[in-house]
């Protein structure tokens, strides 16, 4: 008797689109856009980054597998539309994931970001540390940027000093 074992590999359908856009803060928080589609990740470094302009990186097989894993974790979780803390001087991020007939969108600040979404953001951002190719023109559109203000916020004026009793006596 001859037995044969056939192992088939199920290729994950990674036909998703990931987008992130960040806002500024009172000081020098990085303002940028990230878009991952197919086997490339695009970066638009707007303000307060080591680089400026539009770049992309072609993803390796290992990077695609990591992103697939992180996307699967997001798809398995119930994601709220908004996550906000009471901290005022913190950048906000708009996240979108489009996969088949599922669209996930979340607007959050960095202190209360959902773990899975923040992990994916940090992983994609780590790809920008080496091997980027500067693009000519604008090869990608970021829908999240249309809804996110990218200005750096100005610090509010300091509160007035407390009144000194001697000020009252001199009047």
C-alpha atoms as a PDB file:
ATOM      1  CA  UNK A   1       0.000   0.000   0.000  1.00  0.00           C
ATOM      2  CA  UNK A   2       1.139   3.448  -0.837  1.00  0.00           C
ATOM      3  CA  UNK A   3      -0.115   6.400   1.102  1.00  0.00           C
ATOM      4  CA  UNK A   4       0.278   9.887  -0.052  1.00  0.00           C
ATOM      5  CA  UNK A   5      -0.143  12.972   1.988  1.00  0.00           C
ATOM      6  CA  UNK A   6      -0.989  16.142   0.204  1.00  0.00           C
ATOM      7  CA  UNK A   7      -0.512  19.330   2.131  1.00  0.00           C
ATOM      8  CA  UNK A   8      -2.108  22.354   0.633  1.00  0.00           C
ATOM      9  CA  UNK A   9      -1.221  25.820   1.637  1.00  0.00           C
ATOM     10  CA  UNK A  10      -4.027  28.290   2.126  1.00  0.00           C
ATOM     11  CA  UNK A  11      -2.774  31.637   1.045  1.00  0.00           C
ATOM     12  CA  UNK A  12      -4.270  34.393   3.148  1.00  0.00           C
ATOM     13  CA  UNK A  13      -6.236  36.945   1.206  1.00  0.00           C
ATOM     14  CA  UNK A  14      -4.343  40.107   2.083  1.00  0.00           C
ATOM     15  CA  UNK A  15      -6.414  42.363  -0.141  1.00  0.00           C
ATOM     16  CA  UNK A  16      -6.919  44.899   2.619  1.00  0.00           C
ATOM     17  CA  UNK A  17      -6.102  48.589   2.767  1.00  0.00           C
ATOM     18  CA  UNK A  18      -4.719  50.156   5.944  1.00  0.00           C
ATOM     19  CA  UNK A  19      -4.565  53.909   6.555  1.00  0.00           C
ATOM     20  CA  UNK A  20      -3.373  56.059   9.449  1.00  0.00           C
ATOM     21  CA  UNK A  21      -3.247  59.860   9.743  1.00  0.00           C
ATOM     22  CA  UNK A  22      -1.947  61.660  12.825  1.00  0.00           C
ATOM     23  CA  UNK A  23      -2.572  65.153  14.155  1.00  0.00           C
ATOM     24  CA  UNK A  24      -0.170  67.514  15.806  1.00  0.00           C
ATOM     25  CA  UNK A  25       0.009  68.429  19.462  1.00  0.00           C
ATOM     26  CA  UNK A  26       1.137  71.464  21.450  1.00  0.00           C
ATOM     27  CA  UNK A  27       4.793  70.836  20.620  1.00  0.00           C
ATOM     28  CA  UNK A  28       6.568  68.593  18.094  1.00  0.00           C
ATOM     29  CA  UNK A  29       4.479  65.462  17.726  1.00  0.00           C
ATOM     30  CA  UNK A  30       5.114  63.788  14.347  1.00  0.00           C
ATOM     31  CA  UNK A  31       2.419  64.488  11.772  1.00  0.00           C
ATOM     32  CA  UNK A  32       2.253  61.810   9.094  1.00  0.00           C
ATOM     33  CA  UNK A  33       0.170  59.495   6.965  1.00  0.00           C
ATOM     34  CA  UNK A  34       0.705  55.779   6.413  1.00  0.00           C
ATOM     35  CA  UNK A  35      -1.035  53.676   3.799  1.00  0.00           C
ATOM     36  CA  UNK A  36      -0.424  49.967   3.262  1.00  0.00           C
ATOM     37  CA  UNK A  37      -1.879  48.385   0.184  1.00  0.00           C
ATOM     38  CA  UNK A  38      -0.902  45.105  -1.466  1.00  0.00           C
ATOM     39  CA  UNK A  39       2.839  44.653  -1.017  1.00  0.00           C
ATOM     40  CA  UNK A  40       3.810  48.294  -0.404  1.00  0.00           C
ATOM     41  CA  UNK A  41       3.595  50.717   2.469  1.00  0.00           C
ATOM     42  CA  UNK A  42       3.536  54.441   1.732  1.00  0.00           C
ATOM     43  CA  UNK A  43       4.562  57.245   4.083  1.00  0.00           C
ATOM     44  CA  UNK A  44       3.753  60.930   3.902  1.00  0.00           C
ATOM     45  CA  UNK A  45       5.978  62.674   6.458  1.00  0.00           C
ATOM     46  CA  UNK A  46       4.340  66.074   6.906  1.00  0.00           C
ATOM     47  CA  UNK A  47       5.891  67.738   9.950  1.00  0.00           C
ATOM     48  CA  UNK A  48       8.184  66.935  12.915  1.00  0.00           C
ATOM     49  CA  UNK A  49       9.661  63.742  11.406  1.00  0.00           C
ATOM     50  CA  UNK A  50      13.256  62.716  10.601  1.00  0.00           C
ATOM     51  CA  UNK A  51      12.294  62.819   6.910  1.00  0.00           C
ATOM     52  CA  UNK A  52       9.950  65.021   4.909  1.00  0.00           C
ATOM     53  CA  UNK A  53       7.907  64.120   1.871  1.00  0.00           C
ATOM     54  CA  UNK A  54       6.482  61.000   0.252  1.00  0.00           C
ATOM     55  CA  UNK A  55       8.201  57.615   0.475  1.00  0.00           C
ATOM     56  CA  UNK A  56       7.379  53.935   0.014  1.00  0.00           C
ATOM     57  CA  UNK A  57       8.817  50.569   0.893  1.00  0.00           C
ATOM     58  CA  UNK A  58       8.192  47.257  -0.832  1.00  0.00           C
ATOM     59  CA  UNK A  59       7.265  44.719   1.832  1.00  0.00           C
ATOM     60  CA  UNK A  60       9.111  41.455   2.311  1.00  0.00           C
ATOM     61  CA  UNK A  61       7.255  38.176   2.658  1.00  0.00           C
ATOM     62  CA  UNK A  62       8.006  38.180   6.394  1.00  0.00           C
ATOM     63  CA  UNK A  63       6.664  41.734   6.801  1.00  0.00           C
ATOM     64  CA  UNK A  64       3.476  40.818   4.930  1.00  0.00           C
ATOM     65  CA  UNK A  65       3.008  37.802   7.226  1.00  0.00           C
ATOM     66  CA  UNK A  66       3.449  40.038  10.300  1.00  0.00           C
ATOM     67  CA  UNK A  67       0.937  42.561   8.958  1.00  0.00           C
ATOM     68  CA  UNK A  68      -1.509  39.743   8.088  1.00  0.00           C
ATOM     69  CA  UNK A  69      -1.245  38.483  11.669  1.00  0.00           C
ATOM     70  CA  UNK A  70      -1.865  41.952  13.138  1.00  0.00           C
ATOM     71  CA  UNK A  71      -4.791  42.633  10.777  1.00  0.00           C
ATOM     72  CA  UNK A  72      -6.341  39.324  11.805  1.00  0.00           C
ATOM     73  CA  UNK A  73      -6.119  40.405  15.467  1.00  0.00           C
ATOM     74  CA  UNK A  74      -7.915  43.664  14.632  1.00  0.00           C
ATOM     75  CA  UNK A  75     -10.616  41.844  12.654  1.00  0.00           C
ATOM     76  CA  UNK A  76     -11.190  39.513  15.632  1.00  0.00           C
ATOM     77  CA  UNK A  77     -11.788  42.409  18.035  1.00  0.00           C
ATOM     78  CA  UNK A  78     -14.750  44.708  18.468  1.00  0.00           C
ATOM     79  CA  UNK A  79     -13.330  48.145  17.671  1.00  0.00           C
ATOM     80  CA  UNK A  80     -15.099  51.296  18.858  1.00  0.00           C
ATOM     81  CA  UNK A  81     -15.380  54.424  16.673  1.00  0.00           C
ATOM     82  CA  UNK A  82     -13.578  56.599  19.249  1.00  0.00           C
ATOM     83  CA  UNK A  83     -11.181  56.241  22.181  1.00  0.00           C
ATOM     84  CA  UNK A  84     -10.392  59.428  24.114  1.00  0.00           C
ATOM     85  CA  UNK A  85      -8.563  60.131  27.355  1.00  0.00           C
ATOM     86  CA  UNK A  86      -8.703  63.274  29.484  1.00  0.00           C
ATOM     87  CA  UNK A  87      -5.167  64.299  28.459  1.00  0.00           C
ATOM     88  CA  UNK A  88      -5.209  67.383  26.240  1.00  0.00           C
ATOM     89  CA  UNK A  89      -1.677  67.576  24.842  1.00  0.00           C
ATOM     90  CA  UNK A  90      -1.637  64.328  22.931  1.00  0.00           C
ATOM     91  CA  UNK A  91      -1.793  63.641  19.201  1.00  0.00           C
ATOM     92  CA  UNK A  92      -4.819  61.909  17.742  1.00  0.00           C
ATOM     93  CA  UNK A  93      -4.860  59.262  15.035  1.00  0.00           C
ATOM     94  CA  UNK A  94      -7.519  58.273  12.546  1.00  0.00           C
ATOM     95  CA  UNK A  95      -7.267  54.599  11.558  1.00  0.00           C
ATOM     96  CA  UNK A  96      -9.072  52.812   8.718  1.00  0.00           C
ATOM     97  CA  UNK A  97      -8.991  49.189   7.673  1.00  0.00           C
ATOM     98  CA  UNK A  98     -10.878  48.084   4.570  1.00  0.00           C
ATOM     99  CA  UNK A  99     -11.137  44.343   4.069  1.00  0.00           C
ATOM    100  CA  UNK A 100     -13.669  42.707   1.767  1.00  0.00           C
ATOM    101  CA  UNK A 101     -17.045  44.015   2.944  1.00  0.00           C
ATOM    102  CA  UNK A 102     -15.752  45.131   6.342  1.00  0.00           C
ATOM    103  CA  UNK A 103     -14.680  48.706   7.082  1.00  0.00           C
ATOM    104  CA  UNK A 104     -13.201  49.461  10.487  1.00  0.00           C
ATOM    105  CA  UNK A 105     -12.592  53.051  11.482  1.00  0.00           C
ATOM    106  CA  UNK A 106     -11.380  54.382  14.805  1.00  0.00           C
ATOM    107  CA  UNK A 107     -10.310  57.831  15.966  1.00  0.00           C
ATOM    108  CA  UNK A 108      -8.211  57.749  19.108  1.00  0.00           C
ATOM    109  CA  UNK A 109      -5.550  59.507  21.112  1.00  0.00           C
ATOM    110  CA  UNK A 110      -2.190  57.924  21.759  1.00  0.00           C
ATOM    111  CA  UNK A 111      -2.838  57.288  25.458  1.00  0.00           C
ATOM    112  CA  UNK A 112      -5.877  55.110  24.953  1.00  0.00           C
ATOM    113  CA  UNK A 113      -5.325  53.495  21.554  1.00  0.00           C
ATOM    114  CA  UNK A 114      -6.568  49.924  21.150  1.00  0.00           C
ATOM    115  CA  UNK A 115      -3.565  47.641  21.579  1.00  0.00           C
ATOM    116  CA  UNK A 116      -3.991  45.838  18.243  1.00  0.00           C
ATOM    117  CA  UNK A 117      -4.328  49.052  16.238  1.00  0.00           C
ATOM    118  CA  UNK A 118      -1.398  50.714  18.012  1.00  0.00           C
ATOM    119  CA  UNK A 119       0.785  47.621  17.516  1.00  0.00           C
ATOM    120  CA  UNK A 120       0.073  47.611  13.779  1.00  0.00           C
ATOM    121  CA  UNK A 121       0.809  51.364  13.595  1.00  0.00           C
ATOM    122  CA  UNK A 122       4.138  50.962  15.371  1.00  0.00           C
ATOM    123  CA  UNK A 123       5.059  47.995  13.177  1.00  0.00           C
ATOM    124  CA  UNK A 124       4.339  49.908   9.965  1.00  0.00           C
ATOM    125  CA  UNK A 125       6.221  52.923  11.306  1.00  0.00           C
ATOM    126  CA  UNK A 126       9.231  50.710  12.097  1.00  0.00           C
ATOM    127  CA  UNK A 127       9.418  49.846   8.397  1.00  0.00           C
ATOM    128  CA  UNK A 128      10.087  53.537   7.702  1.00  0.00           C
ATOM    129  CA  UNK A 129      13.406  53.412   9.557  1.00  0.00           C
ATOM    130  CA  UNK A 130      15.363  51.936   6.642  1.00  0.00           C
ATOM    131  CA  UNK A 131      15.211  51.280   2.933  1.00  0.00           C
ATOM    132  CA  UNK A 132      12.612  53.847   1.919  1.00  0.00           C
ATOM    133  CA  UNK A 133      12.351  55.052  -1.670  1.00  0.00           C
ATOM    134  CA  UNK A 134      11.407  58.695  -2.245  1.00  0.00           C
ATOM    135  CA  UNK A 135       8.432  59.001  -4.583  1.00  0.00           C
ATOM    136  CA  UNK A 136       7.916  61.509  -7.330  1.00  0.00           C
ATOM    137  CA  UNK A 137       4.488  63.064  -7.319  1.00  0.00           C
ATOM    138  CA  UNK A 138       1.746  61.627  -5.153  1.00  0.00           C
ATOM    139  CA  UNK A 139       1.210  57.948  -6.028  1.00  0.00           C
ATOM    140  CA  UNK A 140      -1.349  57.322  -3.309  1.00  0.00           C
ATOM    141  CA  UNK A 141      -4.433  58.929  -1.843  1.00  0.00           C
ATOM    142  CA  UNK A 142      -5.049  59.027   1.902  1.00  0.00           C
ATOM    143  CA  UNK A 143      -8.736  59.249   2.788  1.00  0.00           C
ATOM    144  CA  UNK A 144      -7.970  59.624   6.499  1.00  0.00           C
ATOM    145  CA  UNK A 145      -5.994  62.853   5.952  1.00  0.00           C
ATOM    146  CA  UNK A 146      -9.082  64.534   4.551  1.00  0.00           C
ATOM    147  CA  UNK A 147     -10.710  64.254   7.985  1.00  0.00           C
ATOM    148  CA  UNK A 148      -7.727  64.999  10.245  1.00  0.00           C
ATOM    149  CA  UNK A 149      -6.292  68.427  10.985  1.00  0.00           C
ATOM    150  CA  UNK A 150      -2.513  68.401  10.718  1.00  0.00           C
ATOM    151  CA  UNK A 151      -1.701  71.744  12.292  1.00  0.00           C
ATOM    152  CA  UNK A 152       0.394  71.803  15.420  1.00  0.00           C
ATOM    153  CA  UNK A 153      -1.719  73.254  18.179  1.00  0.00           C
ATOM    154  CA  UNK A 154      -0.580  76.357  19.981  1.00  0.00           C
ATOM    155  CA  UNK A 155      -0.153  76.229  23.728  1.00  0.00           C
ATOM    156  CA  UNK A 156      -2.953  77.942  25.597  1.00  0.00           C
ATOM    157  CA  UNK A 157      -1.931  81.084  27.506  1.00  0.00           C
ATOM    158  CA  UNK A 158      -0.763  80.463  31.058  1.00  0.00           C
ATOM    159  CA  UNK A 159      -3.239  81.178  33.836  1.00  0.00           C
ATOM    160  CA  UNK A 160      -2.914  84.622  35.431  1.00  0.00           C
ATOM    161  CA  UNK A 161      -0.809  84.758  38.587  1.00  0.00           C
ATOM    162  CA  UNK A 162      -2.748  84.645  41.842  1.00  0.00           C
ATOM    163  CA  UNK A 163      -3.622  87.996  43.330  1.00  0.00           C
ATOM    164  CA  UNK A 164      -1.336  89.126  46.077  1.00  0.00           C
ATOM    165  CA  UNK A 165      -2.974  90.881  49.046  1.00  0.00           C
ATOM    166  CA  UNK A 166      -0.459  93.713  48.687  1.00  0.00           C
ATOM    167  CA  UNK A 167      -1.873  94.415  45.207  1.00  0.00           C
ATOM    168  CA  UNK A 168      -5.284  95.002  46.788  1.00  0.00           C
ATOM    169  CA  UNK A 169      -3.879  97.315  49.449  1.00  0.00           C
ATOM    170  CA  UNK A 170      -2.119  99.550  46.880  1.00  0.00           C
ATOM    171  CA  UNK A 171      -5.385 100.243  45.043  1.00  0.00           C
END
